[in-house]
C-alpha cells in the first residue's frame, strides 16, 4: 500500500552549471553571469547569451553618448541617462516579493526589480563601458558605488538604482541608517565597502528563499537551498532543512543522504535534531510502502 501522495515525483535539479559558476575564487569568475543563473530555481533555462547581448547593447548606447575626451562626470551621467531615463529602470514596489524581481533576464525584460538585481545590472553595464563600479551591501538596501576623482580628491558616488538612479549624499545615507535601526549612526567606510561576490549570491538566494517560504513552494525552495549549499558546503543546518524538503517531496534516498551529511558535519545541536526527526519520518514512511 502507499500513502495518498505517493505519486508525486522528486524534484529534478541539475546543478552542473551552478557548480561551475558559483566559484568566486576562480580567476574567470563572472558575478553577473552567476547571478543570472538564479532563474533556474523556477525549473527553467536562462539564455545567458541573449541576456549578455542585451546588456552589451545598453553599454554601446552609453558609450555613444560620450565625447572623445570624456571626463568625469560624463560617463556616469551617460550611464544614468540610458538606464534610468531612456529605459526607465526602477524598483518594483507593487509586487516586491515576486521572485521574478531577482531574475536578471526578467528584470531586463520588465525594467523592474529588487535593489540587488538592479545594482548588478548597473555595475555590469558600467563595467562594459569602462566605468568602475561596485555593489554595496548597505543595510536593508543594495546600492552601487562609483569611485570618482573630484578636484584631485578620491570620492565615492553612491547610486540608488531602485529609486531611478538617484545619487545619495552622506546625509541621505545616514538618514536611511536611522530609518533601519532607529538610531543616529555615523556613516563609516565599512558601510560602503564593495560587496564580496559570495555575499552577493548569498543575499540573492536568501531573498528567494524568503519569497518561496511565504509562497509555500517546496520545489523552488529546495532548489534555492541546494544552491545555498554550493556556497556553504559545510553548513549542517542547510542539509537538515533540505532533508526535510526532500522527504516531503518523496526523494527519500536524497533525504537520507542529507541527514547523514547534517549529522556528520554538526555532530550535535539543532541540525542534528532536525536530521534525526527526518530519519524517524523516513523509517515511518517505509512501513507504508510495499
Protein backbone atom coordinates (compact mmCIF):
# COMPACT_ATOMS: atom_id res chain seq x y z
CA UNK A 1 0.00 0.00 0.00
CA UNK A 2 1.04 3.61 -0.33
CA UNK A 3 0.16 6.99 1.07
CA UNK A 4 -2.17 9.28 -0.93
CA UNK A 5 0.66 11.48 -2.21
CA UNK A 6 2.93 8.62 -3.27
CA UNK A 7 2.60 9.55 -6.96
CA UNK A 8 4.44 12.84 -6.50
CA UNK A 9 7.84 12.85 -8.19
CA UNK A 10 11.12 14.11 -6.71
CA UNK A 11 12.36 17.49 -7.92
CA UNK A 12 14.79 17.18 -10.81
CA UNK A 13 17.56 19.73 -10.27
CA UNK A 14 20.72 19.68 -12.37
CA UNK A 15 23.25 21.86 -10.57
CA UNK A 16 26.12 21.38 -13.01
CA UNK A 17 26.02 24.95 -14.31
CA UNK A 18 25.84 26.42 -10.83
CA UNK A 19 28.72 24.27 -9.60
CA UNK A 20 30.85 25.72 -12.37
CA UNK A 21 29.63 29.29 -11.91
CA UNK A 22 29.41 29.70 -8.12
CA UNK A 23 33.19 29.79 -7.57
CA UNK A 24 34.11 33.36 -6.55
CA UNK A 25 37.79 32.43 -6.16
CA UNK A 26 38.02 31.22 -9.74
CA UNK A 27 40.12 33.60 -11.92
CA UNK A 28 37.37 33.61 -14.56
CA UNK A 29 34.52 34.19 -12.12
CA UNK A 30 31.71 36.32 -13.57
CA UNK A 31 29.34 37.59 -10.88
CA UNK A 32 26.70 38.86 -13.30
CA UNK A 33 26.61 35.56 -15.19
CA UNK A 34 26.47 33.55 -11.96
CA UNK A 35 23.63 35.71 -10.62
CA UNK A 36 21.76 35.34 -13.91
CA UNK A 37 21.51 31.59 -13.29
CA UNK A 38 19.13 32.25 -10.39
CA UNK A 39 16.20 31.95 -12.78
CA UNK A 40 16.86 28.21 -12.89
CA UNK A 41 15.33 27.81 -9.44
CA UNK A 42 11.99 28.08 -11.26
CA UNK A 43 12.90 24.98 -13.25
CA UNK A 44 13.50 26.93 -16.47
CA UNK A 45 16.59 27.58 -18.55
CA UNK A 46 18.14 31.04 -18.78
CA UNK A 47 19.51 32.25 -22.10
CA UNK A 48 22.73 33.78 -20.81
CA UNK A 49 23.99 34.69 -24.26
CA UNK A 50 20.81 36.60 -25.12
CA UNK A 51 20.98 38.42 -21.79
CA UNK A 52 24.62 39.31 -22.42
CA UNK A 53 23.74 40.75 -25.82
CA UNK A 54 21.00 42.93 -24.32
CA UNK A 55 23.36 44.24 -21.66
CA UNK A 56 26.00 44.81 -24.32
CA UNK A 57 23.58 46.91 -26.34
CA UNK A 58 22.94 49.09 -23.30
CA UNK A 59 26.69 49.60 -22.89
CA UNK A 60 27.05 50.55 -26.56
CA UNK A 61 24.38 53.21 -26.10
CA UNK A 62 26.18 54.61 -23.07
CA UNK A 63 29.46 54.78 -24.97
CA UNK A 64 27.74 56.52 -27.88
CA UNK A 65 26.89 59.44 -25.59
CA UNK A 66 30.49 60.05 -24.58
CA UNK A 67 32.76 62.61 -26.20
CA UNK A 68 36.22 61.57 -27.34
CA UNK A 69 37.87 63.08 -24.28
CA UNK A 70 35.05 62.29 -21.86
CA UNK A 71 35.82 63.32 -18.31
CA UNK A 72 34.05 62.94 -15.00
CA UNK A 73 31.09 63.02 -14.53
CA UNK A 74 30.19 62.47 -18.18
CA UNK A 75 30.48 58.63 -18.09
CA UNK A 76 28.26 58.37 -15.01
CA UNK A 77 25.74 60.83 -16.43
CA UNK A 78 25.53 58.83 -19.66
CA UNK A 79 25.04 55.58 -17.72
CA UNK A 80 22.25 57.03 -15.61
CA UNK A 81 20.55 58.58 -18.64
CA UNK A 82 20.43 55.34 -20.61
CA UNK A 83 19.35 53.07 -17.77
CA UNK A 84 17.01 55.24 -15.76
CA UNK A 85 15.75 57.91 -18.14
CA UNK A 86 15.61 56.30 -21.55
CA UNK A 87 14.98 52.71 -20.41
CA UNK A 88 13.12 53.60 -17.23
CA UNK A 89 14.64 51.00 -14.91
CA UNK A 90 13.32 51.27 -11.38
CA UNK A 91 12.39 49.22 -8.36
CA UNK A 92 9.29 47.04 -8.25
CA UNK A 93 7.14 48.36 -5.43
CA UNK A 94 3.75 46.78 -6.16
CA UNK A 95 4.83 43.12 -6.11
CA UNK A 96 8.14 43.46 -4.29
CA UNK A 97 8.13 39.85 -3.10
CA UNK A 98 7.74 38.38 -6.60
CA UNK A 99 10.71 36.05 -7.28
CA UNK A 100 10.92 37.47 -10.81
CA UNK A 101 12.36 40.64 -9.29
CA UNK A 102 15.54 38.67 -8.60
CA UNK A 103 15.92 37.10 -12.04
CA UNK A 104 18.21 39.26 -14.17
CA UNK A 105 16.75 38.18 -17.52
CA UNK A 106 13.24 39.05 -16.32
CA UNK A 107 14.45 42.31 -14.77
CA UNK A 108 15.98 43.36 -18.09
CA UNK A 109 12.76 42.46 -19.88
CA UNK A 110 10.39 44.23 -17.44
CA UNK A 111 12.70 47.11 -16.38
CA UNK A 112 11.72 46.36 -12.77
CA UNK A 113 13.44 44.50 -9.98
CA UNK A 114 14.87 44.32 -6.47
CA UNK A 115 17.69 46.67 -5.41
CA UNK A 116 20.32 43.95 -5.67
CA UNK A 117 19.29 42.86 -9.19
CA UNK A 118 19.16 46.44 -10.47
CA UNK A 119 22.52 47.15 -8.85
CA UNK A 120 24.11 44.14 -10.54
CA UNK A 121 22.76 45.29 -13.89
CA UNK A 122 24.05 48.82 -13.32
CA UNK A 123 27.51 47.54 -12.37
CA UNK A 124 27.67 45.24 -15.38
CA UNK A 125 26.74 47.97 -17.87
CA UNK A 126 29.23 50.29 -16.16
CA UNK A 127 31.96 47.65 -16.39
CA UNK A 128 31.37 47.20 -20.11
CA UNK A 129 31.70 50.94 -20.66
CA UNK A 130 34.93 51.16 -18.68
CA UNK A 131 33.39 52.90 -15.69
CA UNK A 132 34.48 51.39 -12.34
CA UNK A 133 31.52 50.47 -10.15
CA UNK A 134 30.79 48.01 -7.37
CA UNK A 135 27.84 46.76 -5.38
CA UNK A 136 27.36 47.97 -1.82
CA UNK A 137 25.56 45.70 0.64
CA UNK A 138 24.10 48.64 2.52
CA UNK A 139 21.87 47.58 5.42
CA UNK A 140 18.44 46.72 4.05
CA UNK A 141 19.04 48.19 0.60
CA UNK A 142 21.63 47.26 -2.02
CA UNK A 143 23.37 50.21 -3.73
CA UNK A 144 26.09 50.96 -6.27
CA UNK A 145 29.35 52.76 -5.56
CA UNK A 146 31.21 54.62 -8.31
CA UNK A 147 34.73 55.80 -7.44
CA UNK A 148 35.38 59.38 -8.58
CA UNK A 149 38.28 61.80 -8.58
CA UNK A 150 36.84 65.20 -7.77
CA UNK A 151 39.30 68.08 -7.83
CA UNK A 152 42.14 65.68 -7.18
CA UNK A 153 40.39 64.12 -4.18
CA UNK A 154 39.14 60.50 -4.31
CA UNK A 155 35.47 60.20 -3.53
CA UNK A 156 32.74 57.59 -3.79
CA UNK A 157 29.50 58.49 -5.54
CA UNK A 158 26.61 56.31 -4.33
CA UNK A 159 23.79 55.45 -6.74
CA UNK A 160 20.39 54.02 -5.80
CA UNK A 161 19.17 52.02 -8.85
CA UNK A 162 15.93 51.07 -7.10
CA UNK A 163 14.89 54.71 -6.99
CA UNK A 164 15.65 55.59 -10.59
CA UNK A 165 19.40 56.00 -10.25
CA UNK A 166 19.31 58.88 -7.81
CA UNK A 167 22.56 59.94 -6.17
CA UNK A 168 22.72 59.65 -2.39
CA UNK A 169 24.59 62.11 -0.22
CA UNK A 170 26.21 61.07 3.08
CA UNK A 171 23.34 62.76 4.91
CA UNK A 172 20.79 60.75 2.93
CA UNK A 173 22.66 57.53 3.71
CA UNK A 174 22.76 58.33 7.41
CA UNK A 175 19.05 59.07 7.31
CA UNK A 176 18.47 55.65 5.78
CA UNK A 177 20.53 54.06 8.55
CA UNK A 178 18.32 55.84 11.06
CA UNK A 179 15.14 54.54 9.42
CA UNK A 180 16.50 50.99 9.51
CA UNK A 181 17.99 50.96 13.01
CA UNK A 182 16.11 53.67 14.89
CA UNK A 183 19.47 55.07 15.97
CA UNK A 184 21.51 58.01 14.78
CA UNK A 185 24.62 56.34 13.39
CA UNK A 186 27.58 57.93 11.70
CA UNK A 187 28.24 56.71 8.18
CA UNK A 188 31.53 54.81 8.06
CA UNK A 189 33.78 53.33 5.40
CA UNK A 190 32.52 49.87 6.42
CA UNK A 191 29.01 50.75 5.26
CA UNK A 192 30.28 51.47 1.73
CA UNK A 193 32.81 48.71 1.14
CA UNK A 194 32.44 46.68 -2.08
CA UNK A 195 30.21 43.66 -1.53
CA UNK A 196 32.05 40.36 -1.89
CA UNK A 197 30.78 38.15 -4.75
CA UNK A 198 29.88 35.22 -2.48
CA UNK A 199 27.95 37.59 -0.22
CA UNK A 200 26.01 38.94 -3.22
CA UNK A 201 24.97 35.47 -4.35
CA UNK A 202 24.11 34.54 -0.78
CA UNK A 203 21.93 37.63 -0.38
CA UNK A 204 20.08 36.91 -3.63
CA UNK A 205 19.41 33.34 -2.56
CA UNK A 206 18.21 34.48 0.84
CA UNK A 207 15.74 36.84 -0.84
CA UNK A 208 14.42 33.99 -2.97
CA UNK A 209 14.28 31.66 0.00
CA UNK A 210 12.03 34.04 1.90
CA UNK A 211 9.79 34.52 -1.12
CA UNK A 212 9.27 30.79 -1.69
CA UNK A 213 8.72 30.17 2.01
CA UNK A 214 5.92 32.74 2.02
CA UNK A 215 4.50 31.19 -1.16
CA UNK A 216 4.73 27.67 0.32
CA UNK A 217 6.55 26.45 -2.79
CA UNK A 218 8.67 23.47 -1.64
CA UNK A 219 10.05 22.61 -5.09
CA UNK A 220 11.58 26.05 -5.69
CA UNK A 221 12.64 26.30 -2.05
CA UNK A 222 14.54 23.03 -2.40
CA UNK A 223 16.36 24.38 -5.46
CA UNK A 224 17.31 27.53 -3.55
CA UNK A 225 18.71 25.58 -0.61
CA UNK A 226 20.69 23.34 -2.98
CA UNK A 227 22.36 26.48 -4.30
CA UNK A 228 22.98 27.78 -0.81
CA UNK A 229 24.79 24.52 -0.09
CA UNK A 230 27.08 25.12 -3.07
CA UNK A 231 28.19 28.36 -1.40
CA UNK A 232 28.21 26.95 2.16
CA UNK A 233 29.05 23.25 1.78
CA UNK A 234 29.79 22.79 5.49
CA UNK A 235 26.53 24.26 6.79
CA UNK A 236 24.85 21.35 8.56
CA UNK A 237 21.56 23.18 9.00
CA UNK A 238 21.15 23.61 5.25
CA UNK A 239 21.49 19.84 4.78
CA UNK A 240 18.98 19.20 7.55
CA UNK A 241 16.48 21.65 6.03
CA UNK A 242 16.93 20.14 2.58
CA UNK A 243 16.47 16.67 4.04
CA UNK A 244 13.03 17.65 5.32
CA UNK A 245 12.05 19.09 1.95
CA UNK A 246 13.32 16.04 0.10
CA UNK A 247 11.38 13.74 2.37
CA UNK A 248 8.23 15.80 1.83
CA UNK A 249 8.79 15.61 -1.94
CA UNK A 250 9.31 11.83 -1.74
CA UNK A 251 13.03 11.88 -2.55
CA UNK A 252 13.72 9.51 0.32
CA UNK A 253 17.19 8.48 -0.82
CA UNK A 254 18.26 12.11 -1.11
CA UNK A 255 16.70 12.89 2.25
CA UNK A 256 18.68 10.15 3.99
CA UNK A 257 21.90 11.33 2.36
CA UNK A 258 21.27 14.86 3.61
CA UNK A 259 20.51 13.61 7.11
CA UNK A 260 23.80 11.75 7.14
CA UNK A 261 25.63 14.87 5.95
CA UNK A 262 23.99 17.06 8.61
CA UNK A 263 24.87 14.62 11.40
CA UNK A 264 28.43 14.21 10.13
CA UNK A 265 29.02 17.97 9.89
CA UNK A 266 27.33 19.03 13.12
CA UNK A 267 27.71 16.08 15.46
CA UNK A 268 25.16 17.66 17.81
CA UNK A 269 22.81 20.61 18.03
CA UNK A 270 19.67 21.82 16.19
CA UNK A 271 20.72 20.50 12.78
CA UNK A 272 21.18 17.00 14.19
CA UNK A 273 17.83 17.20 15.98
CA UNK A 274 16.11 18.01 12.69
CA UNK A 275 18.04 15.32 10.83
CA UNK A 276 17.15 12.66 13.39
CA UNK A 277 13.50 13.66 13.19
CA UNK A 278 13.57 13.29 9.40
CA UNK A 279 15.19 9.86 9.76
CA UNK A 280 12.30 8.84 12.04
CA UNK A 281 9.83 10.09 9.44
CA UNK A 282 11.63 8.15 6.71
CA UNK A 283 11.56 4.98 8.80
CA UNK A 284 7.87 5.52 9.39
CA UNK A 285 7.30 6.10 5.66
CA UNK A 286 8.92 2.76 4.89
CA UNK A 287 6.17 0.98 6.82
CA UNK A 288 3.57 2.33 4.40
CA UNK A 289 5.37 1.45 1.18
CA UNK A 290 5.17 -2.11 -0.10
